[in-house]
Amino acid sequence: MKTIALIAHDHKKDEMLNFVLENKDVLAQYDLIATATTGKLIKEKIGLTVTTYLSGPLGGDQQIGSRVACQKVDIVIFLRDPLAAQPHEPDITALLRLCDVHNIPVATNAATATLVLQSLRTKKD
């Protein structure tokens, strides 16, 4: 089964929850992984099964990056807040670089994430 990583900065958590709710039917068909707070919110508010890693600033982005490097993640949806400085920006950059190196689709906003999931729906039809 394919794995989708879900990550959202603090100011994007509500947007991620709305995105997941709108796409629950397709996301439920995949293994989901997430950083700690994002995954916890998805489990509690939407009821999907999510394997959680550490919070992003505590190493969660790096943990997901290691799974990308090992070819164990197929899609990364990372709703980033481009208007807020992140103390772990080097970790974020490293994760995005690993996605590029390993040719893993990565969406950093809801519009792109929607297009990525639409491609999954098309493959199923």
N, C-alpha and C. Protein backbone atom coordinates (compact mmCIF):
# COMPACT_ATOMS: atom_id res chain seq x y z
N MET A 1 0.85 -1.19 0.00
CA MET A 1 0.00 0.00 0.00
C MET A 1 0.89 1.24 0.00
N LYS A 2 0.49 2.25 -0.75
CA LYS A 2 1.25 3.49 -0.82
C LYS A 2 1.11 4.29 0.48
N THR A 3 2.14 5.09 0.75
CA THR A 3 2.18 5.89 1.96
C THR A 3 2.16 7.37 1.61
N ILE A 4 1.32 8.12 2.31
CA ILE A 4 1.23 9.57 2.14
C ILE A 4 1.62 10.21 3.47
N ALA A 5 2.56 11.16 3.42
CA ALA A 5 2.97 11.92 4.59
C ALA A 5 2.18 13.22 4.65
N LEU A 6 1.67 13.56 5.81
CA LEU A 6 0.90 14.78 6.03
C LEU A 6 1.59 15.62 7.11
N ILE A 7 1.95 16.85 6.74
CA ILE A 7 2.64 17.75 7.66
C ILE A 7 2.01 19.13 7.49
N ALA A 8 1.84 19.85 8.59
CA ALA A 8 1.29 21.20 8.50
C ALA A 8 1.90 22.08 9.59
N HIS A 9 2.33 23.25 9.20
CA HIS A 9 2.80 24.22 10.19
C HIS A 9 1.62 24.67 11.04
N ASP A 10 1.92 25.26 12.20
CA ASP A 10 0.88 25.61 13.16
C ASP A 10 -0.26 26.42 12.56
N HIS A 11 0.05 27.43 11.76
CA HIS A 11 -0.99 28.27 11.18
C HIS A 11 -1.71 27.61 10.01
N LYS A 12 -1.30 26.38 9.68
CA LYS A 12 -1.92 25.63 8.58
C LYS A 12 -2.65 24.38 9.06
N LYS A 13 -2.71 24.17 10.37
CA LYS A 13 -3.36 22.96 10.90
C LYS A 13 -4.84 22.90 10.51
N ASP A 14 -5.57 24.00 10.65
CA ASP A 14 -6.99 23.99 10.28
C ASP A 14 -7.17 23.74 8.79
N GLU A 15 -6.30 24.32 7.98
CA GLU A 15 -6.36 24.08 6.54
C GLU A 15 -6.11 22.61 6.24
N MET A 16 -5.16 21.99 6.94
CA MET A 16 -4.90 20.55 6.74
C MET A 16 -6.11 19.73 7.13
N LEU A 17 -6.73 20.06 8.27
CA LEU A 17 -7.91 19.32 8.69
C LEU A 17 -9.03 19.43 7.66
N ASN A 18 -9.24 20.62 7.12
CA ASN A 18 -10.26 20.80 6.07
C ASN A 18 -9.91 19.99 4.83
N PHE A 19 -8.64 20.02 4.45
CA PHE A 19 -8.18 19.27 3.28
C PHE A 19 -8.41 17.77 3.49
N VAL A 20 -8.01 17.27 4.64
CA VAL A 20 -8.17 15.83 4.92
C VAL A 20 -9.65 15.46 4.95
N LEU A 21 -10.46 16.27 5.57
CA LEU A 21 -11.90 15.99 5.61
C LEU A 21 -12.50 15.94 4.20
N GLU A 22 -12.13 16.90 3.37
CA GLU A 22 -12.63 16.94 1.99
C GLU A 22 -12.15 15.75 1.16
N ASN A 23 -11.03 15.17 1.54
CA ASN A 23 -10.43 14.08 0.76
C ASN A 23 -10.34 12.78 1.55
N LYS A 24 -11.16 12.67 2.57
CA LYS A 24 -11.11 11.51 3.46
C LYS A 24 -11.27 10.20 2.69
N ASP A 25 -12.15 10.17 1.70
CA ASP A 25 -12.41 8.94 0.96
C ASP A 25 -11.15 8.41 0.27
N VAL A 26 -10.37 9.28 -0.33
CA VAL A 26 -9.16 8.81 -1.01
C VAL A 26 -8.03 8.58 -0.02
N LEU A 27 -7.88 9.44 0.97
CA LEU A 27 -6.80 9.27 1.94
C LEU A 27 -6.97 7.99 2.77
N ALA A 28 -8.19 7.58 3.02
CA ALA A 28 -8.45 6.37 3.80
C ALA A 28 -7.93 5.11 3.10
N GLN A 29 -7.65 5.20 1.82
CA GLN A 29 -7.15 4.06 1.06
C GLN A 29 -5.64 3.89 1.13
N TYR A 30 -4.97 4.79 1.85
CA TYR A 30 -3.51 4.79 1.90
C TYR A 30 -3.02 4.74 3.34
N ASP A 31 -1.77 4.29 3.51
CA ASP A 31 -1.13 4.41 4.81
C ASP A 31 -0.78 5.88 4.99
N LEU A 32 -1.16 6.44 6.12
CA LEU A 32 -0.88 7.85 6.40
C LEU A 32 0.14 7.94 7.52
N ILE A 33 1.11 8.84 7.33
CA ILE A 33 2.05 9.17 8.38
C ILE A 33 2.04 10.68 8.53
N ALA A 34 2.45 11.16 9.71
CA ALA A 34 2.40 12.59 9.96
C ALA A 34 3.32 12.95 11.11
N THR A 35 3.65 14.23 11.18
CA THR A 35 4.32 14.72 12.37
C THR A 35 3.31 14.72 13.51
N ALA A 36 3.81 14.82 14.74
CA ALA A 36 3.01 14.54 15.94
C ALA A 36 1.68 15.29 16.04
N THR A 37 1.72 16.60 16.05
CA THR A 37 0.50 17.36 16.28
C THR A 37 -0.47 17.22 15.11
N THR A 38 0.04 17.27 13.90
CA THR A 38 -0.81 17.13 12.72
C THR A 38 -1.51 15.77 12.75
N GLY A 39 -0.75 14.72 13.00
CA GLY A 39 -1.32 13.38 13.04
C GLY A 39 -2.34 13.20 14.15
N LYS A 40 -2.03 13.74 15.31
CA LYS A 40 -2.95 13.65 16.45
C LYS A 40 -4.28 14.33 16.11
N LEU A 41 -4.21 15.51 15.51
CA LEU A 41 -5.44 16.22 15.14
C LEU A 41 -6.25 15.45 14.11
N ILE A 42 -5.59 14.86 13.14
CA ILE A 42 -6.29 14.09 12.10
C ILE A 42 -6.98 12.89 12.73
N LYS A 43 -6.29 12.20 13.63
CA LYS A 43 -6.89 11.05 14.32
C LYS A 43 -8.11 11.48 15.13
N GLU A 44 -7.94 12.53 15.94
CA GLU A 44 -9.01 12.95 16.86
C GLU A 44 -10.19 13.57 16.15
N LYS A 45 -9.93 14.45 15.19
CA LYS A 45 -11.01 15.23 14.57
C LYS A 45 -11.67 14.51 13.39
N ILE A 46 -10.90 13.64 12.69
CA ILE A 46 -11.43 13.04 11.47
C ILE A 46 -11.55 11.53 11.59
N GLY A 47 -10.76 10.93 12.45
CA GLY A 47 -10.90 9.49 12.68
C GLY A 47 -10.10 8.60 11.77
N LEU A 48 -9.19 9.15 11.00
CA LEU A 48 -8.36 8.31 10.15
C LEU A 48 -7.19 7.74 10.96
N THR A 49 -6.72 6.59 10.56
CA THR A 49 -5.55 5.98 11.18
C THR A 49 -4.30 6.65 10.63
N VAL A 50 -3.46 7.15 11.54
CA VAL A 50 -2.24 7.86 11.14
C VAL A 50 -1.10 7.42 12.05
N THR A 51 0.02 7.03 11.45
CA THR A 51 1.22 6.76 12.22
C THR A 51 1.91 8.10 12.44
N THR A 52 2.19 8.42 13.71
CA THR A 52 2.78 9.72 13.99
C THR A 52 4.26 9.59 14.37
N TYR A 53 4.98 10.63 14.00
CA TYR A 53 6.39 10.77 14.35
C TYR A 53 6.52 11.96 15.29
N LEU A 54 7.73 12.36 15.58
CA LEU A 54 7.94 13.51 16.45
C LEU A 54 7.37 14.78 15.83
N SER A 55 7.20 15.80 16.64
CA SER A 55 6.84 17.12 16.15
C SER A 55 7.95 17.59 15.20
N GLY A 56 7.60 18.39 14.21
CA GLY A 56 8.58 18.88 13.24
C GLY A 56 9.82 19.49 13.87
N PRO A 57 9.66 20.45 14.78
CA PRO A 57 10.84 21.08 15.39
C PRO A 57 11.67 20.13 16.25
N LEU A 58 11.09 19.00 16.64
CA LEU A 58 11.82 18.03 17.47
C LEU A 58 12.41 16.89 16.66
N GLY A 59 12.31 16.98 15.33
CA GLY A 59 12.92 15.95 14.47
C GLY A 59 11.95 15.19 13.59
N GLY A 60 10.65 15.48 13.68
CA GLY A 60 9.67 14.76 12.87
C GLY A 60 9.86 14.92 11.37
N ASP A 61 10.25 16.13 10.93
CA ASP A 61 10.50 16.32 9.50
C ASP A 61 11.66 15.43 9.06
N GLN A 62 12.68 15.31 9.91
CA GLN A 62 13.82 14.46 9.59
C GLN A 62 13.44 12.98 9.58
N GLN A 63 12.57 12.58 10.50
CA GLN A 63 12.12 11.19 10.51
C GLN A 63 11.37 10.86 9.22
N ILE A 64 10.50 11.75 8.80
CA ILE A 64 9.77 11.51 7.54
C ILE A 64 10.74 11.57 6.37
N GLY A 65 11.71 12.50 6.44
CA GLY A 65 12.74 12.56 5.40
C GLY A 65 13.51 11.26 5.26
N SER A 66 13.79 10.61 6.38
CA SER A 66 14.52 9.34 6.31
C SER A 66 13.68 8.28 5.61
N ARG A 67 12.37 8.32 5.83
CA ARG A 67 11.49 7.37 5.13
C ARG A 67 11.42 7.68 3.63
N VAL A 68 11.46 8.97 3.29
CA VAL A 68 11.51 9.36 1.88
C VAL A 68 12.79 8.80 1.25
N ALA A 69 13.93 8.98 1.94
CA ALA A 69 15.22 8.52 1.43
C ALA A 69 15.26 7.01 1.26
N CYS A 70 14.49 6.29 2.08
CA CYS A 70 14.44 4.83 1.99
C CYS A 70 13.34 4.34 1.06
N GLN A 71 12.75 5.27 0.30
CA GLN A 71 11.70 4.94 -0.67
C GLN A 71 10.46 4.34 0.00
N LYS A 72 10.13 4.82 1.21
CA LYS A 72 8.97 4.30 1.94
C LYS A 72 7.83 5.32 2.03
N VAL A 73 7.96 6.41 1.30
CA VAL A 73 6.90 7.42 1.21
C VAL A 73 6.68 7.71 -0.27
N ASP A 74 5.42 7.76 -0.65
CA ASP A 74 5.09 7.95 -2.07
C ASP A 74 4.66 9.37 -2.40
N ILE A 75 4.09 10.08 -1.42
CA ILE A 75 3.62 11.45 -1.61
C ILE A 75 3.81 12.19 -0.29
N VAL A 76 4.25 13.45 -0.38
CA VAL A 76 4.34 14.30 0.80
C VAL A 76 3.43 15.50 0.60
N ILE A 77 2.54 15.72 1.54
CA ILE A 77 1.70 16.92 1.56
C ILE A 77 2.12 17.72 2.78
N PHE A 78 2.76 18.84 2.52
CA PHE A 78 3.37 19.65 3.58
C PHE A 78 2.82 21.06 3.45
N LEU A 79 1.76 21.36 4.20
CA LEU A 79 1.18 22.70 4.14
C LEU A 79 2.04 23.64 4.98
N ARG A 80 2.87 24.38 4.26
CA ARG A 80 3.85 25.27 4.90
C ARG A 80 3.26 26.66 5.08
N ASP A 81 3.73 27.33 6.10
CA ASP A 81 3.35 28.72 6.34
C ASP A 81 4.48 29.59 5.81
N PRO A 82 4.31 30.18 4.62
CA PRO A 82 5.40 30.96 4.02
C PRO A 82 5.61 32.32 4.68
N LEU A 83 4.72 32.70 5.58
CA LEU A 83 4.81 34.01 6.21
C LEU A 83 5.36 33.98 7.63
N ALA A 84 5.70 32.81 8.12
CA ALA A 84 6.23 32.69 9.48
C ALA A 84 7.60 32.02 9.45
N ALA A 85 8.53 32.58 10.18
CA ALA A 85 9.86 31.99 10.30
C ALA A 85 9.74 30.69 11.09
N GLN A 86 10.45 29.67 10.65
CA GLN A 86 10.42 28.38 11.33
C GLN A 86 11.80 28.10 11.92
N PRO A 87 11.86 27.78 13.19
CA PRO A 87 13.17 27.54 13.82
C PRO A 87 13.89 26.32 13.24
N HIS A 88 13.15 25.42 12.63
CA HIS A 88 13.74 24.22 12.05
C HIS A 88 13.75 24.26 10.52
N GLU A 89 13.89 25.46 9.97
CA GLU A 89 13.90 25.63 8.51
C GLU A 89 14.90 24.71 7.80
N PRO A 90 16.11 24.50 8.35
CA PRO A 90 17.03 23.57 7.67
C PRO A 90 16.45 22.16 7.52
N ASP A 91 15.68 21.71 8.51
CA ASP A 91 15.05 20.38 8.42
C ASP A 91 14.00 20.35 7.32
N ILE A 92 13.25 21.43 7.21
CA ILE A 92 12.22 21.53 6.18
C ILE A 92 12.85 21.51 4.80
N THR A 93 13.89 22.30 4.63
CA THR A 93 14.61 22.36 3.35
C THR A 93 15.17 20.98 3.00
N ALA A 94 15.72 20.30 4.00
CA ALA A 94 16.28 18.96 3.76
C ALA A 94 15.19 17.98 3.31
N LEU A 95 14.03 18.04 3.94
CA LEU A 95 12.92 17.16 3.54
C LEU A 95 12.51 17.43 2.10
N LEU A 96 12.35 18.69 1.75
CA LEU A 96 11.95 19.04 0.38
C LEU A 96 13.03 18.61 -0.62
N ARG A 97 14.30 18.78 -0.24
CA ARG A 97 15.40 18.36 -1.12
C ARG A 97 15.36 16.84 -1.33
N LEU A 98 15.12 16.08 -0.26
CA LEU A 98 15.03 14.63 -0.40
C LEU A 98 13.89 14.22 -1.33
N CYS A 99 12.78 14.92 -1.25
CA CYS A 99 11.67 14.64 -2.18
C CYS A 99 12.12 14.86 -3.62
N ASP A 100 12.87 15.92 -3.86
CA ASP A 100 13.38 16.18 -5.21
C ASP A 100 14.39 15.12 -5.64
N VAL A 101 15.30 14.77 -4.75
CA VAL A 101 16.34 13.79 -5.07
C VAL A 101 15.71 12.43 -5.41
N HIS A 102 14.68 12.05 -4.67
CA HIS A 102 14.07 10.74 -4.85
C HIS A 102 12.80 10.77 -5.70
N ASN A 103 12.55 11.92 -6.33
CA ASN A 103 11.43 12.05 -7.26
C ASN A 103 10.08 11.73 -6.61
N ILE A 104 9.90 12.25 -5.41
CA ILE A 104 8.65 12.05 -4.66
C ILE A 104 7.79 13.30 -4.82
N PRO A 105 6.55 13.15 -5.28
CA PRO A 105 5.68 14.32 -5.38
C PRO A 105 5.49 14.97 -4.01
N VAL A 106 5.65 16.30 -3.99
CA VAL A 106 5.47 17.04 -2.74
C VAL A 106 4.60 18.26 -3.02
N ALA A 107 3.56 18.41 -2.24
CA ALA A 107 2.65 19.55 -2.37
C ALA A 107 2.83 20.43 -1.14
N THR A 108 3.07 21.72 -1.35
CA THR A 108 3.27 22.62 -0.22
C THR A 108 2.11 23.58 -0.01
N ASN A 109 1.03 23.37 -0.74
CA ASN A 109 -0.18 24.16 -0.53
C ASN A 109 -1.39 23.30 -0.90
N ALA A 110 -2.55 23.69 -0.43
CA ALA A 110 -3.75 22.87 -0.61
C ALA A 110 -4.14 22.71 -2.07
N ALA A 111 -3.92 23.71 -2.90
CA ALA A 111 -4.29 23.60 -4.31
C ALA A 111 -3.48 22.50 -5.00
N THR A 112 -2.19 22.49 -4.74
CA THR A 112 -1.34 21.46 -5.34
C THR A 112 -1.68 20.09 -4.76
N ALA A 113 -1.91 20.02 -3.46
CA ALA A 113 -2.28 18.75 -2.83
C ALA A 113 -3.56 18.19 -3.44
N THR A 114 -4.52 19.05 -3.72
CA THR A 114 -5.76 18.62 -4.34
C THR A 114 -5.50 18.01 -5.71
N LEU A 115 -4.63 18.65 -6.49
CA LEU A 115 -4.29 18.11 -7.81
C LEU A 115 -3.60 16.75 -7.70
N VAL A 116 -2.73 16.60 -6.73
CA VAL A 116 -2.05 15.32 -6.54
C VAL A 116 -3.07 14.23 -6.21
N LEU A 117 -3.98 14.53 -5.30
CA LEU A 117 -4.98 13.53 -4.94
C LEU A 117 -5.96 13.26 -6.09
N GLN A 118 -6.23 14.26 -6.92
CA GLN A 118 -7.07 14.03 -8.09
C GLN A 118 -6.43 13.01 -9.02
N SER A 119 -5.11 13.04 -9.12
CA SER A 119 -4.42 12.05 -9.96
C SER A 119 -4.59 10.65 -9.38
N LEU A 120 -4.65 10.53 -8.06
CA LEU A 120 -4.88 9.23 -7.44
C LEU A 120 -6.31 8.74 -7.72
N ARG A 121 -7.27 9.67 -7.67
CA ARG A 121 -8.65 9.31 -7.96
C ARG A 121 -8.77 8.83 -9.41
N THR A 122 -8.07 9.51 -10.31
CA THR A 122 -8.12 9.14 -11.73
C THR A 122 -7.54 7.74 -11.94
N LYS A 123 -6.48 7.42 -11.24
CA LYS A 123 -5.88 6.08 -11.37
C LYS A 123 -6.82 5.00 -10.90
N LYS A 124 -7.65 5.29 -9.89
CA LYS A 124 -8.59 4.30 -9.35
C LYS A 124 -9.79 4.08 -10.26
N ASP A 125 -10.15 5.09 -11.05
CA ASP A 125 -11.35 5.00 -11.91
C ASP A 125 -11.09 4.18 -13.15
